N, C-alpha and C. Protein backbone atom coordinates (compact mmCIF):
# COMPACT_ATOMS: atom_id res chain seq x y z
N MET A 1 -17.38 10.25 30.33
CA MET A 1 -16.79 10.53 29.14
C MET A 1 -16.74 9.61 28.00
N ILE A 2 -16.67 10.00 26.84
CA ILE A 2 -16.66 9.20 25.97
C ILE A 2 -15.39 9.88 24.82
N VAL A 3 -14.59 9.11 24.31
CA VAL A 3 -13.60 9.52 23.60
C VAL A 3 -13.88 9.30 21.83
N ILE A 4 -13.65 10.24 21.37
CA ILE A 4 -13.84 10.32 19.67
C ILE A 4 -12.18 10.48 19.13
N ILE A 5 -11.82 9.52 18.09
CA ILE A 5 -10.99 9.05 17.29
C ILE A 5 -11.44 9.37 15.67
N PRO A 6 -11.06 10.39 15.49
CA PRO A 6 -11.31 10.82 13.66
C PRO A 6 -10.45 10.13 13.16
N VAL A 7 -10.33 9.52 12.26
CA VAL A 7 -9.55 8.91 11.35
C VAL A 7 -9.83 9.09 9.72
N SER A 8 -8.61 9.55 9.18
CA SER A 8 -8.61 10.07 7.73
C SER A 8 -8.62 8.70 6.73
N PRO A 9 -8.96 8.56 5.61
CA PRO A 9 -9.25 7.46 4.65
C PRO A 9 -8.08 6.53 4.61
N ILE A 10 -7.89 5.77 4.31
CA ILE A 10 -6.77 4.82 4.11
C ILE A 10 -5.98 5.32 3.03
N ASN A 11 -6.46 5.62 1.64
CA ASN A 11 -6.07 6.08 0.55
C ASN A 11 -5.11 7.47 0.64
N SER A 12 -5.45 8.36 1.52
CA SER A 12 -4.73 9.65 1.97
C SER A 12 -4.02 9.73 2.98
N LEU A 13 -3.54 8.61 3.73
CA LEU A 13 -3.03 8.75 4.85
C LEU A 13 -1.66 9.03 4.74
N LYS A 14 -0.90 9.92 5.53
CA LYS A 14 0.36 10.10 6.03
C LYS A 14 1.25 10.32 4.51
N THR A 15 0.65 10.96 3.78
CA THR A 15 1.18 11.46 2.57
C THR A 15 2.63 11.77 2.40
N ARG A 16 3.29 12.40 3.36
CA ARG A 16 4.60 12.71 3.71
C ARG A 16 5.46 11.48 3.98
N LEU A 17 5.09 10.11 4.37
CA LEU A 17 5.57 8.99 4.66
C LEU A 17 5.40 8.19 3.32
N SER A 18 5.10 8.72 2.32
CA SER A 18 4.75 7.97 1.08
C SER A 18 6.27 7.60 0.25
N GLU A 19 6.94 8.05 0.78
CA GLU A 19 8.40 7.70 -0.21
C GLU A 19 9.39 6.90 0.82
N PHE A 20 8.72 6.79 2.48
CA PHE A 20 9.67 5.99 3.02
C PHE A 20 8.38 4.45 3.31
N LEU A 21 7.27 4.60 3.31
CA LEU A 21 6.35 3.30 3.22
C LEU A 21 5.61 3.43 2.41
N SER A 22 5.36 2.08 2.01
CA SER A 22 4.12 2.14 0.97
C SER A 22 2.85 2.15 1.38
N GLU A 23 1.68 2.41 0.50
CA GLU A 23 0.72 2.67 0.96
C GLU A 23 -0.04 1.33 2.14
N GLU A 24 0.28 0.34 1.87
CA GLU A 24 -0.33 -1.02 2.48
C GLU A 24 0.60 -0.45 3.87
N GLU A 25 1.94 -0.45 4.05
CA GLU A 25 2.96 -0.53 5.16
C GLU A 25 1.83 0.82 6.00
N ARG A 26 1.85 1.97 5.43
CA ARG A 26 0.76 3.07 5.73
C ARG A 26 -0.32 2.62 6.82
N LYS A 27 -0.96 1.95 5.93
CA LYS A 27 -2.35 1.29 6.54
C LYS A 27 -1.86 0.53 7.44
N TYR A 28 -1.02 -0.70 7.48
CA TYR A 28 -0.73 -1.05 8.52
C TYR A 28 -0.18 -0.56 9.91
N LEU A 29 0.50 0.78 9.36
CA LEU A 29 1.06 1.57 10.72
C LEU A 29 -0.04 2.25 11.48
N LEU A 30 -0.89 2.78 10.31
CA LEU A 30 -2.48 3.34 11.46
C LEU A 30 -2.75 2.33 12.31
N LEU A 31 -2.81 1.14 11.68
CA LEU A 31 -3.84 0.18 12.93
C LEU A 31 -3.25 -0.35 13.75
N ASN A 32 -1.52 -0.59 13.93
CA ASN A 32 -1.21 -0.46 15.26
C ASN A 32 -1.11 0.84 16.06
N MET A 33 -1.10 1.95 15.38
CA MET A 33 -1.15 2.97 16.23
C MET A 33 -2.50 3.31 16.77
N LEU A 34 -3.50 3.16 16.06
CA LEU A 34 -4.88 3.12 16.64
C LEU A 34 -4.91 1.67 18.32
N ARG A 35 -4.35 0.59 17.63
CA ARG A 35 -4.15 -0.37 19.08
C ARG A 35 -3.76 0.31 19.78
N ASP A 36 -2.36 0.78 20.07
CA ASP A 36 -1.67 1.48 21.40
C ASP A 36 -2.34 2.63 21.81
N ILE A 37 -3.09 3.30 21.04
CA ILE A 37 -4.36 4.60 21.71
C ILE A 37 -5.31 3.73 22.40
N LYS A 38 -5.74 2.35 21.64
CA LYS A 38 -7.12 2.23 22.38
C LYS A 38 -6.51 1.04 24.07
N SER A 39 -5.33 0.98 23.83
CA SER A 39 -4.40 0.21 24.98
C SER A 39 -4.46 1.22 25.98
N ALA A 40 -4.00 2.99 26.06
CA ALA A 40 -4.55 3.53 26.59
C ALA A 40 -5.70 4.06 27.50
N LEU A 41 -6.95 3.47 26.83
CA LEU A 41 -8.31 3.96 26.89
C LEU A 41 -8.66 2.98 27.97
N THR A 42 -8.55 2.16 29.01
CA THR A 42 -9.17 1.44 29.64
C THR A 42 -10.51 2.20 30.52
N ASN A 43 -11.73 1.03 30.07
CA ASN A 43 -12.83 1.18 30.43
C ASN A 43 -13.62 2.61 30.41
N LEU A 44 -12.67 2.97 28.89
CA LEU A 44 -13.67 4.17 28.44
C LEU A 44 -14.35 3.43 27.19
N ASP A 45 -15.79 4.35 26.59
CA ASP A 45 -16.29 3.97 25.46
C ASP A 45 -15.49 4.62 24.61
N THR A 46 -14.96 4.04 23.38
CA THR A 46 -14.58 4.94 22.61
C THR A 46 -15.39 4.87 20.96
N VAL A 47 -15.87 6.01 20.26
CA VAL A 47 -16.06 6.11 18.97
C VAL A 47 -15.11 6.49 18.01
N VAL A 48 -15.22 5.68 17.01
CA VAL A 48 -13.62 6.26 15.48
C VAL A 48 -15.18 6.74 14.21
N VAL A 49 -14.51 7.61 13.95
CA VAL A 49 -15.52 8.57 13.22
C VAL A 49 -14.06 8.38 12.17
N SER A 50 -14.95 7.58 10.94
CA SER A 50 -14.12 7.72 9.65
C SER A 50 -15.02 7.75 8.07
N ARG A 51 -14.81 7.79 7.03
CA ARG A 51 -15.85 7.74 5.83
C ARG A 51 -14.49 6.35 5.05
N ASP A 52 -13.79 5.11 5.68
CA ASP A 52 -13.36 4.70 5.42
C ASP A 52 -13.68 3.44 5.90
N GLU A 53 -14.63 2.42 5.15
CA GLU A 53 -15.00 0.82 5.93
C GLU A 53 -14.03 0.33 6.34
N GLU A 54 -12.84 0.12 6.05
CA GLU A 54 -11.82 -0.94 6.62
C GLU A 54 -11.70 -0.34 7.68
N ILE A 55 -11.20 0.96 8.11
CA ILE A 55 -10.99 1.32 9.37
C ILE A 55 -12.20 1.02 10.05
N LEU A 56 -13.64 1.60 9.92
CA LEU A 56 -14.77 1.39 10.63
C LEU A 56 -14.72 -0.10 10.91
N ASN A 57 -14.63 -0.96 10.33
CA ASN A 57 -14.74 -2.48 10.54
C ASN A 57 -13.50 -2.80 11.81
N PHE A 58 -12.56 -2.52 11.25
CA PHE A 58 -11.37 -2.81 12.15
C PHE A 58 -11.78 -2.07 13.27
N ALA A 59 -12.05 -1.13 13.33
CA ALA A 59 -12.62 -0.34 15.06
C ALA A 59 -13.60 -1.27 15.80
N LYS A 60 -14.78 -1.89 15.14
CA LYS A 60 -15.60 -2.81 15.52
C LYS A 60 -15.26 -3.90 16.25
N LYS A 61 -14.40 -4.40 15.30
CA LYS A 61 -13.47 -5.68 15.53
C LYS A 61 -12.74 -6.02 16.62
N GLU A 62 -11.53 -5.13 16.11
CA GLU A 62 -10.49 -5.66 17.19
C GLU A 62 -10.39 -4.14 18.11
N LEU A 63 -10.99 -3.10 18.36
CA LEU A 63 -10.60 -2.08 19.05
C LEU A 63 -12.36 -1.95 19.90
N ASN A 64 -13.07 -2.99 19.76
CA ASN A 64 -14.16 -3.22 20.15
C ASN A 64 -15.10 -1.68 20.28
N ALA A 65 -14.90 -1.02 19.37
CA ALA A 65 -15.43 0.58 19.20
C ALA A 65 -16.31 0.98 18.66
N LYS A 66 -17.56 2.09 19.19
CA LYS A 66 -18.63 2.07 18.20
C LYS A 66 -17.82 2.93 17.02
N THR A 67 -18.80 3.26 15.99
CA THR A 67 -18.26 3.85 14.77
C THR A 67 -19.37 4.64 14.47
N VAL A 68 -18.94 5.57 13.52
CA VAL A 68 -19.67 6.60 12.57
C VAL A 68 -19.17 7.06 11.51
N LYS A 69 -20.32 6.76 10.57
CA LYS A 69 -19.55 6.39 9.05
C LYS A 69 -19.76 8.24 8.84
N GLU A 70 -18.81 9.13 8.23
CA GLU A 70 -18.55 9.91 8.11
C GLU A 70 -19.31 10.33 6.67
N LYS A 71 -19.92 11.52 6.50
CA LYS A 71 -20.80 12.03 5.73
C LYS A 71 -20.15 13.15 4.99
N GLY A 72 -19.79 13.89 5.68
CA GLY A 72 -19.03 15.39 5.08
C GLY A 72 -17.89 15.79 5.05
N LYS A 73 -17.31 16.80 4.40
CA LYS A 73 -15.86 16.90 4.78
C LYS A 73 -15.51 17.99 5.50
N GLY A 74 -14.18 17.07 6.31
CA GLY A 74 -13.51 17.97 6.99
C GLY A 74 -13.15 17.21 8.29
N LEU A 75 -12.17 17.87 9.15
CA LEU A 75 -12.20 17.16 10.56
C LEU A 75 -12.97 17.89 11.58
N ASN A 76 -13.26 18.78 11.41
CA ASN A 76 -14.32 19.41 11.83
C ASN A 76 -15.68 18.96 11.81
N ASN A 77 -15.82 19.07 10.59
CA ASN A 77 -17.41 18.27 10.26
C ASN A 77 -17.46 16.88 11.22
N ALA A 78 -16.56 15.93 10.52
CA ALA A 78 -16.46 14.54 11.34
C ALA A 78 -16.66 14.95 12.62
N ILE A 79 -15.92 15.42 13.63
CA ILE A 79 -16.28 15.31 15.02
C ILE A 79 -17.91 16.05 15.56
N LYS A 80 -18.11 16.71 14.70
CA LYS A 80 -19.36 17.38 14.97
C LYS A 80 -20.61 16.12 14.41
N GLN A 81 -20.57 15.75 13.72
CA GLN A 81 -21.28 14.15 13.33
C GLN A 81 -21.25 13.53 14.07
N ALA A 82 -20.25 13.50 14.92
CA ALA A 82 -20.13 12.32 16.16
C ALA A 82 -20.71 12.59 17.27
N PHE A 83 -20.52 14.20 17.28
CA PHE A 83 -21.49 14.83 18.98
C PHE A 83 -22.74 14.61 18.57
N LYS A 84 -23.00 14.51 17.46
CA LYS A 84 -24.29 14.35 17.18
C LYS A 84 -25.20 12.91 17.59
N GLU A 85 -24.62 11.82 16.87
CA GLU A 85 -24.78 10.43 17.22
C GLU A 85 -24.28 9.98 18.65
N ILE A 86 -24.01 10.62 19.48
CA ILE A 86 -23.84 10.31 20.89
C ILE A 86 -24.32 11.13 22.08
N SER A 87 -24.72 10.21 22.89
CA SER A 87 -25.90 11.33 23.60
C SER A 87 -25.07 11.75 24.77
N GLU A 88 -23.82 11.38 24.87
CA GLU A 88 -23.11 11.54 25.95
C GLU A 88 -22.17 13.29 26.19
N GLU A 89 -22.74 14.02 26.92
CA GLU A 89 -21.86 15.43 26.81
C GLU A 89 -20.50 15.80 26.98
N GLU A 90 -19.82 14.92 27.80
CA GLU A 90 -18.82 15.10 27.99
C GLU A 90 -17.51 14.15 26.97
N VAL A 91 -16.74 14.80 26.47
CA VAL A 91 -16.31 14.39 25.20
C VAL A 91 -14.39 14.16 25.44
N LEU A 92 -13.91 13.30 25.06
CA LEU A 92 -12.50 13.58 24.90
C LEU A 92 -11.91 12.74 23.40
N ILE A 93 -11.29 14.15 22.59
CA ILE A 93 -10.76 13.89 21.19
C ILE A 93 -9.40 13.65 20.96
N ILE A 94 -9.08 12.58 20.67
CA ILE A 94 -7.94 12.09 20.19
C ILE A 94 -7.25 11.94 18.85
N PRO A 95 -6.43 12.67 17.93
CA PRO A 95 -6.07 11.57 17.10
C PRO A 95 -5.81 10.49 16.97
N ALA A 96 -5.46 10.08 15.84
CA ALA A 96 -5.17 8.46 15.21
C ALA A 96 -3.60 8.43 15.26
N ASP A 97 -3.08 9.19 15.60
CA ASP A 97 -1.62 9.47 15.29
C ASP A 97 -0.61 9.69 15.87
N ILE A 98 -1.36 9.21 17.67
CA ILE A 98 -0.32 9.78 19.03
C ILE A 98 -0.17 8.33 19.52
N PRO A 99 0.69 7.39 19.09
CA PRO A 99 1.01 6.07 19.65
C PRO A 99 1.80 5.73 20.91
N LEU A 100 2.14 7.19 21.52
CA LEU A 100 2.72 7.00 22.64
C LEU A 100 2.26 7.51 23.91
N ILE A 101 0.68 7.67 23.68
CA ILE A 101 -0.16 8.00 25.01
C ILE A 101 -0.18 7.12 25.65
N LYS A 102 -0.21 7.17 26.89
CA LYS A 102 -0.52 6.24 27.78
C LYS A 102 -1.90 5.89 28.82
N LYS A 103 -1.53 4.98 29.61
CA LYS A 103 -3.14 5.01 30.20
C LYS A 103 -3.07 6.41 31.42
N HIS A 104 -1.43 6.61 31.99
CA HIS A 104 -1.48 7.68 33.13
C HIS A 104 -1.74 8.59 32.45
N HIS A 105 -1.95 9.26 31.01
CA HIS A 105 -1.87 10.44 30.28
C HIS A 105 -3.84 10.16 30.72
N ILE A 106 -4.50 9.47 30.69
CA ILE A 106 -5.76 8.89 30.31
C ILE A 106 -6.53 9.27 32.03
N LYS A 107 -5.42 8.93 33.05
CA LYS A 107 -5.59 9.24 33.82
C LYS A 107 -5.73 10.54 34.57
N ASP A 108 -4.87 11.13 34.02
CA ASP A 108 -4.52 12.43 34.34
C ASP A 108 -5.45 13.37 34.08
N ILE A 109 -5.99 13.57 32.95
CA ILE A 109 -7.31 13.74 32.31
C ILE A 109 -8.33 13.39 32.90
N ILE A 110 -8.62 12.22 33.92
CA ILE A 110 -9.89 12.03 34.28
C ILE A 110 -9.93 13.20 35.44
N ASN A 111 -8.75 13.05 36.30
CA ASN A 111 -8.51 13.57 37.38
C ASN A 111 -8.75 15.12 37.14
N LEU A 112 -7.84 15.56 36.22
CA LEU A 112 -8.35 17.05 36.15
C LEU A 112 -9.57 17.60 35.26
N SER A 113 -10.76 16.74 34.69
CA SER A 113 -11.93 16.85 34.32
C SER A 113 -12.91 17.47 35.55
N ASN A 114 -12.26 17.08 36.87
CA ASN A 114 -13.26 17.47 37.76
C ASN A 114 -13.05 19.03 38.25
N HIS A 115 -12.15 19.73 37.54
CA HIS A 115 -11.91 20.96 37.96
C HIS A 115 -12.08 21.82 36.98
N TYR A 116 -11.97 21.25 35.39
CA TYR A 116 -12.01 22.37 33.90
C TYR A 116 -12.86 21.73 33.22
N ASP A 117 -13.39 23.12 32.10
CA ASP A 117 -14.23 22.88 31.26
C ASP A 117 -13.49 22.52 30.29
N MET A 118 -12.30 22.63 29.96
CA MET A 118 -11.88 22.13 28.62
C MET A 118 -9.95 22.15 28.79
N ILE A 119 -9.66 20.91 28.52
CA ILE A 119 -8.23 20.76 28.76
C ILE A 119 -7.85 20.36 27.53
N ILE A 120 -6.36 20.45 27.31
CA ILE A 120 -6.27 20.27 25.89
C ILE A 120 -4.47 20.18 25.99
N ALA A 121 -3.81 19.42 25.16
CA ALA A 121 -2.64 19.16 25.04
C ALA A 121 -2.21 19.57 23.50
N PRO A 122 -0.93 20.33 22.99
CA PRO A 122 -0.39 20.92 21.85
C PRO A 122 0.62 19.35 21.19
N SER A 123 0.25 19.61 19.90
CA SER A 123 1.46 18.65 18.93
C SER A 123 2.29 19.81 19.40
N ARG A 124 3.58 19.29 18.62
CA ARG A 124 4.79 19.73 18.49
C ARG A 124 4.82 20.50 17.36
N GLY A 125 3.56 20.66 16.55
CA GLY A 125 3.55 21.93 15.54
C GLY A 125 2.63 22.79 15.61
N GLY A 126 2.03 22.70 16.94
CA GLY A 126 0.99 23.80 17.17
C GLY A 126 -0.27 23.35 16.87
N GLY A 127 -0.46 22.12 16.48
CA GLY A 127 -2.09 21.22 16.34
C GLY A 127 -2.49 21.10 18.12
N THR A 128 -3.40 20.30 17.92
CA THR A 128 -4.59 19.74 19.16
C THR A 128 -4.31 18.42 18.94
N ASN A 129 -3.15 17.92 19.95
CA ASN A 129 -3.40 16.36 20.37
C ASN A 129 -4.22 15.72 21.12
N LEU A 130 -5.08 16.64 21.93
CA LEU A 130 -5.96 16.24 22.73
C LEU A 130 -6.97 17.08 23.52
N LEU A 131 -7.88 16.78 23.21
CA LEU A 131 -8.91 17.97 23.67
C LEU A 131 -10.06 17.46 24.35
N TYR A 132 -10.31 17.87 25.71
CA TYR A 132 -11.38 17.16 26.53
C TYR A 132 -12.42 18.73 26.87
N LEU A 133 -13.78 18.17 26.80
CA LEU A 133 -14.42 19.17 26.59
C LEU A 133 -15.78 18.84 27.66
N LYS A 134 -15.93 19.55 28.72
CA LYS A 134 -17.11 18.75 29.47
C LYS A 134 -18.47 19.00 29.02
N SER A 135 -18.26 19.80 28.03
CA SER A 135 -19.66 20.09 27.61
C SER A 135 -19.23 20.42 26.00
N LYS A 136 -19.80 19.42 25.09
CA LYS A 136 -18.80 18.61 23.78
C LYS A 136 -19.43 20.24 23.01
N ASN A 137 -20.27 21.24 23.16
CA ASN A 137 -20.60 22.25 21.84
C ASN A 137 -20.30 23.70 22.60
N SER A 138 -19.17 23.37 23.56
CA SER A 138 -18.91 24.57 24.56
C SER A 138 -17.57 25.72 23.49
N ILE A 139 -17.36 25.14 22.56
CA ILE A 139 -16.64 25.90 21.39
C ILE A 139 -16.69 25.05 20.22
N ASP A 140 -16.88 26.16 19.25
CA ASP A 140 -16.00 25.88 18.11
C ASP A 140 -15.15 25.55 17.49
N LEU A 141 -15.32 24.30 17.38
CA LEU A 141 -13.94 23.52 16.81
C LEU A 141 -13.08 24.30 15.75
N LYS A 142 -12.02 24.12 15.95
CA LYS A 142 -10.64 25.08 15.04
C LYS A 142 -9.48 23.67 14.71
N TYR A 143 -9.86 22.94 14.34
CA TYR A 143 -8.79 22.10 14.36
C TYR A 143 -8.14 22.53 12.53
N GLU A 144 -7.08 21.87 12.40
CA GLU A 144 -6.28 22.12 11.08
C GLU A 144 -5.36 23.67 11.35
N GLY A 145 -4.58 23.49 11.09
CA GLY A 145 -3.71 24.76 11.06
C GLY A 145 -3.24 24.89 12.68
N PHE A 146 -2.92 26.52 12.71
CA PHE A 146 -2.13 26.22 14.27
C PHE A 146 -3.58 26.17 15.76
N SER A 147 -4.31 24.92 15.69
CA SER A 147 -5.22 25.03 16.17
C SER A 147 -5.45 25.06 17.38
N PHE A 148 -4.01 24.78 18.17
CA PHE A 148 -3.93 24.71 19.78
C PHE A 148 -4.05 26.11 19.80
N LEU A 149 -3.68 26.77 19.37
CA LEU A 149 -3.64 28.87 19.57
C LEU A 149 -5.27 28.85 19.56
N LYS A 150 -5.77 28.49 18.48
CA LYS A 150 -7.39 28.75 17.92
C LYS A 150 -8.01 28.69 18.90
N HIS A 151 -8.03 27.07 19.84
CA HIS A 151 -8.97 26.39 20.33
C HIS A 151 -8.50 27.22 22.04
N LEU A 152 -7.55 27.61 22.40
CA LEU A 152 -7.27 28.54 23.86
C LEU A 152 -7.88 29.45 23.42
N LYS A 153 -8.06 30.54 22.09
CA LYS A 153 -8.73 31.54 21.94
C LYS A 153 -10.07 31.17 22.06
N GLU A 154 -10.60 30.03 21.82
CA GLU A 154 -12.26 29.93 21.85
C GLU A 154 -12.91 29.89 23.35
N ALA A 155 -11.63 28.80 24.03
CA ALA A 155 -11.95 28.86 25.77
C ALA A 155 -12.34 30.37 26.15
N GLU A 156 -11.16 31.10 25.70
CA GLU A 156 -10.75 32.62 26.47
C GLU A 156 -12.15 33.27 25.89
N ASN A 157 -12.80 33.13 24.57
CA ASN A 157 -13.95 33.59 24.23
C ASN A 157 -15.02 33.20 25.03
N LYS A 158 -15.15 31.99 25.31
CA LYS A 158 -16.29 31.46 26.01
C LYS A 158 -16.06 31.30 27.66
N ASN A 159 -15.11 32.26 28.15
CA ASN A 159 -15.02 31.96 29.36
C ASN A 159 -15.01 30.86 30.16
N LEU A 160 -14.33 30.34 29.30
CA LEU A 160 -14.01 28.45 30.17
C LEU A 160 -13.12 28.64 30.81
N LYS A 161 -12.85 27.58 32.18
CA LYS A 161 -11.74 27.29 32.45
C LYS A 161 -10.95 26.14 32.02
N TYR A 162 -9.77 26.57 31.47
CA TYR A 162 -8.80 25.75 30.46
C TYR A 162 -7.16 25.10 31.85
N HIS A 163 -7.21 24.28 30.73
CA HIS A 163 -6.04 23.96 31.40
C HIS A 163 -5.07 23.06 30.17
N ILE A 164 -3.51 23.56 30.48
CA ILE A 164 -2.98 23.15 29.28
C ILE A 164 -2.48 21.92 29.75
N TYR A 165 -2.23 20.73 29.00
CA TYR A 165 -1.74 19.14 29.31
C TYR A 165 -0.30 19.19 28.72
N ASP A 166 0.63 19.60 29.21
CA ASP A 166 1.68 19.72 28.33
C ASP A 166 2.39 18.49 28.46
N SER A 167 2.44 17.44 27.46
CA SER A 167 3.54 16.21 27.61
C SER A 167 3.90 15.85 26.34
N PHE A 168 5.03 15.82 26.33
CA PHE A 168 5.58 15.28 25.25
C PHE A 168 5.37 14.19 24.31
N LEU A 169 5.01 13.07 25.26
CA LEU A 169 4.46 11.74 24.59
C LEU A 169 3.20 11.79 23.96
N VAL A 170 2.36 13.07 24.28
CA VAL A 170 0.92 13.02 24.11
C VAL A 170 1.35 14.19 22.64
N SER A 171 2.35 14.90 22.63
CA SER A 171 2.62 15.89 21.75
C SER A 171 3.28 15.05 20.18
N VAL A 172 4.05 13.88 20.48
CA VAL A 172 4.65 13.22 19.10
C VAL A 172 3.15 12.62 18.07
N ASP A 173 2.99 13.34 17.17
CA ASP A 173 1.92 12.48 15.96
C ASP A 173 2.86 12.33 14.89
N ILE A 174 2.89 11.04 14.55
CA ILE A 174 3.33 10.54 13.47
C ILE A 174 3.24 11.07 11.78
N ASN A 175 3.86 12.01 11.60
CA ASN A 175 3.70 12.29 9.78
C ASN A 175 4.72 12.34 8.77
N THR A 176 6.09 11.97 9.61
CA THR A 176 7.17 12.42 9.19
C THR A 176 8.03 10.97 9.29
N PRO A 177 8.73 10.88 8.04
CA PRO A 177 9.86 9.56 8.73
C PRO A 177 10.94 9.98 9.54
N GLU A 178 11.17 11.09 10.09
CA GLU A 178 12.15 11.85 11.31
C GLU A 178 10.98 11.32 12.57
N ASP A 179 9.75 11.43 12.57
CA ASP A 179 8.91 11.22 13.71
C ASP A 179 8.56 9.85 13.89
N LEU A 180 9.10 9.08 12.94
CA LEU A 180 8.95 7.41 13.55
C LEU A 180 10.50 6.85 14.38
N GLY A 181 11.31 7.73 14.33
CA GLY A 181 12.22 7.80 15.77
C GLY A 181 11.74 7.98 16.86
N GLU A 182 11.04 8.89 17.02
CA GLU A 182 10.50 8.92 18.34
C GLU A 182 9.42 7.80 19.09
N ILE A 183 9.33 6.83 17.96
CA ILE A 183 8.81 5.57 18.43
C ILE A 183 10.00 4.42 18.61
N PHE A 184 10.81 4.67 18.39
CA PHE A 184 11.71 3.61 18.68
C PHE A 184 12.75 4.07 20.24
N ILE A 185 12.59 5.36 20.16
CA ILE A 185 12.94 6.11 21.42
C ILE A 185 12.56 5.70 22.60
N HIS A 186 11.10 6.30 22.36
CA HIS A 186 9.95 6.35 23.53
C HIS A 186 9.02 5.50 23.35
N GLY A 187 9.09 4.17 22.27
CA GLY A 187 7.56 3.73 22.15
C GLY A 187 7.94 2.14 22.24
N GLU A 188 8.95 1.76 23.61
CA GLU A 188 9.01 0.44 23.85
C GLU A 188 7.72 0.00 24.21
N LYS A 189 7.36 -1.37 23.81
CA LYS A 189 6.57 -2.51 23.97
C LYS A 189 5.11 -2.03 23.39
N THR A 190 5.26 -1.03 22.09
CA THR A 190 4.44 -0.76 21.41
C THR A 190 4.14 -1.07 20.30
N HIS A 191 2.51 -1.20 19.80
CA HIS A 191 2.54 -2.22 18.61
C HIS A 191 2.89 -1.81 17.57
N THR A 192 3.04 -0.21 17.31
CA THR A 192 3.66 0.58 16.41
C THR A 192 5.15 0.43 16.43
N LYS A 193 5.87 0.07 17.49
CA LYS A 193 7.41 -0.25 17.24
C LYS A 193 7.68 -1.51 16.80
N GLN A 194 7.22 -2.30 17.46
CA GLN A 194 7.14 -3.71 16.76
C GLN A 194 6.45 -4.06 15.08
N TYR A 195 5.91 -3.16 14.80
CA TYR A 195 5.64 -3.23 13.38
C TYR A 195 6.53 -2.42 12.37
N LEU A 196 7.01 -1.39 13.09
CA LEU A 196 8.38 -0.64 12.37
C LEU A 196 9.67 -1.92 12.35
N LYS A 197 9.87 -2.30 13.38
CA LYS A 197 11.11 -3.12 13.17
C LYS A 197 10.96 -4.28 12.87
N SER A 198 9.45 -4.97 12.22
CA SER A 198 9.60 -5.93 11.24
C SER A 198 9.69 -5.57 9.85
N LEU A 199 9.36 -4.21 9.71
CA LEU A 199 9.98 -3.68 8.53
C LEU A 199 11.11 -2.99 8.00
N GLY A 200 11.96 -3.65 9.19
CA GLY A 200 13.64 -3.45 8.91
C GLY A 200 14.41 -1.86 8.90
N ILE A 201 13.52 -1.27 9.65
CA ILE A 201 13.11 0.09 10.02
C ILE A 201 13.99 0.13 11.54
N TYR A 202 15.18 1.21 11.15
CA TYR A 202 15.63 1.42 12.52
C TYR A 202 16.28 2.76 12.84
N VAL A 203 17.15 3.04 13.86
CA VAL A 203 17.58 4.50 14.23
C VAL A 203 19.00 4.49 14.19
N GLU A 204 19.57 5.81 13.79
CA GLU A 204 21.13 5.49 14.08
C GLU A 204 20.99 7.01 14.78
N PRO A 205 21.75 7.65 15.55
CA PRO A 205 22.21 8.61 15.95
C PRO A 205 23.24 9.40 14.99
N LYS A 206 22.24 11.09 14.87
CA LYS A 206 23.31 11.73 13.91
C LYS A 206 24.19 12.84 14.49
N HIS A 207 25.18 12.69 14.49
CA HIS A 207 26.63 13.49 15.08
C HIS A 207 26.90 14.43 14.12
N SER A 208 25.31 15.02 14.23
CA SER A 208 25.62 16.85 14.02
C SER A 208 24.71 17.84 14.48
N SER A 209 24.93 19.19 14.11
CA SER A 209 23.63 19.79 14.93
C SER A 209 22.52 19.97 13.55
N ALA A 210 22.43 18.84 13.06
CA ALA A 210 21.07 19.20 11.80
C ALA A 210 19.93 18.07 12.69
N GLY A 211 20.18 17.54 13.70
CA GLY A 211 19.09 16.55 14.01
C GLY A 211 19.48 15.45 15.38
N ARG A 212 19.04 14.98 15.60
CA ARG A 212 19.03 14.49 17.25
C ARG A 212 19.28 12.32 16.22
N PHE A 213 19.00 12.39 15.11
CA PHE A 213 19.02 10.96 14.94
C PHE A 213 18.76 10.54 13.46
N VAL A 214 18.76 9.54 12.41
CA VAL A 214 18.31 9.28 11.21
C VAL A 214 17.35 8.07 11.39
N VAL A 215 16.69 8.01 10.50
CA VAL A 215 15.62 6.90 10.63
C VAL A 215 16.12 5.99 8.96
N LYS A 216 16.41 5.05 9.15
CA LYS A 216 16.53 4.18 7.94
C LYS A 216 15.76 2.55 7.92
N ARG A 217 16.25 2.23 6.65
CA ARG A 217 15.36 0.76 6.53
C ARG A 217 16.37 -0.09 6.16
N ARG A 218 16.23 -1.00 6.19
CA ARG A 218 17.63 -2.27 5.63
C ARG A 218 16.65 -2.93 3.99
N GLY A 219 17.68 -3.29 3.54
CA GLY A 219 16.99 -3.71 2.20
C GLY A 219 16.80 -2.70 0.78
C-alpha cells in the first residue's frame, strides 16, 4: 500500500481562514498539518502531489516523501496523475488537512484492507477524508462536492465490497476558524496545535446554543 497526499498550491490555501490567518501563517499551518499526517503513516511510502515547488521540496526534505509535480487541473486529475506515476496497485488517499489522524487509524485501515476492496471515511461536510482502494483504478474518482456519497455510489456500481470507516478525528478537516478549535480540544501534542498556540490562538467555551466554542487570537 502506498499513501497519496494531494496538496493545493500555497497561494490558494484555505481562503476561508484568510480573515484569521495571513497567507504566510496559512502556509505554515499546512506544513504542520502535513507533519502530523506523516507521523501517522509509520512505515508506509508516501507520495505528495502538488503543482507548488515549495510544497514538493518540503515533502522531499522533511517528510521523506516521493513527489509528483501536478500538470493538470483539479483534484481528481492530480490523483490520477499520481496513479500513473506509481507502480503500486493498492493506494490510500489522504487530504493534507486532517491533522488529527493517528497511527491507530492507519493500523485499522491496514487490517480492514484484507477484507474490503474500498474503505472510505467521510468528512463532516460530506466529502471524502480517507479513501483506500485495493485497485487504484477500480472506481472513477469523484472528489469535490458531496464526494463521500458519490464514491459510495461508484463502489456499488462496480460491485466492490466496501467499508465505511466512521471516525470523528478523521472527519475533521481544517477549513474555517471554528475548525481550529477542534485542534485545541482533540489535538494534544500535535505540531498543528503547537503552531496555533505560538500565534496566540486560543479557544473559549460559548455559553449558548450557537456553538460549542469560539476561537480567538491575542493581540
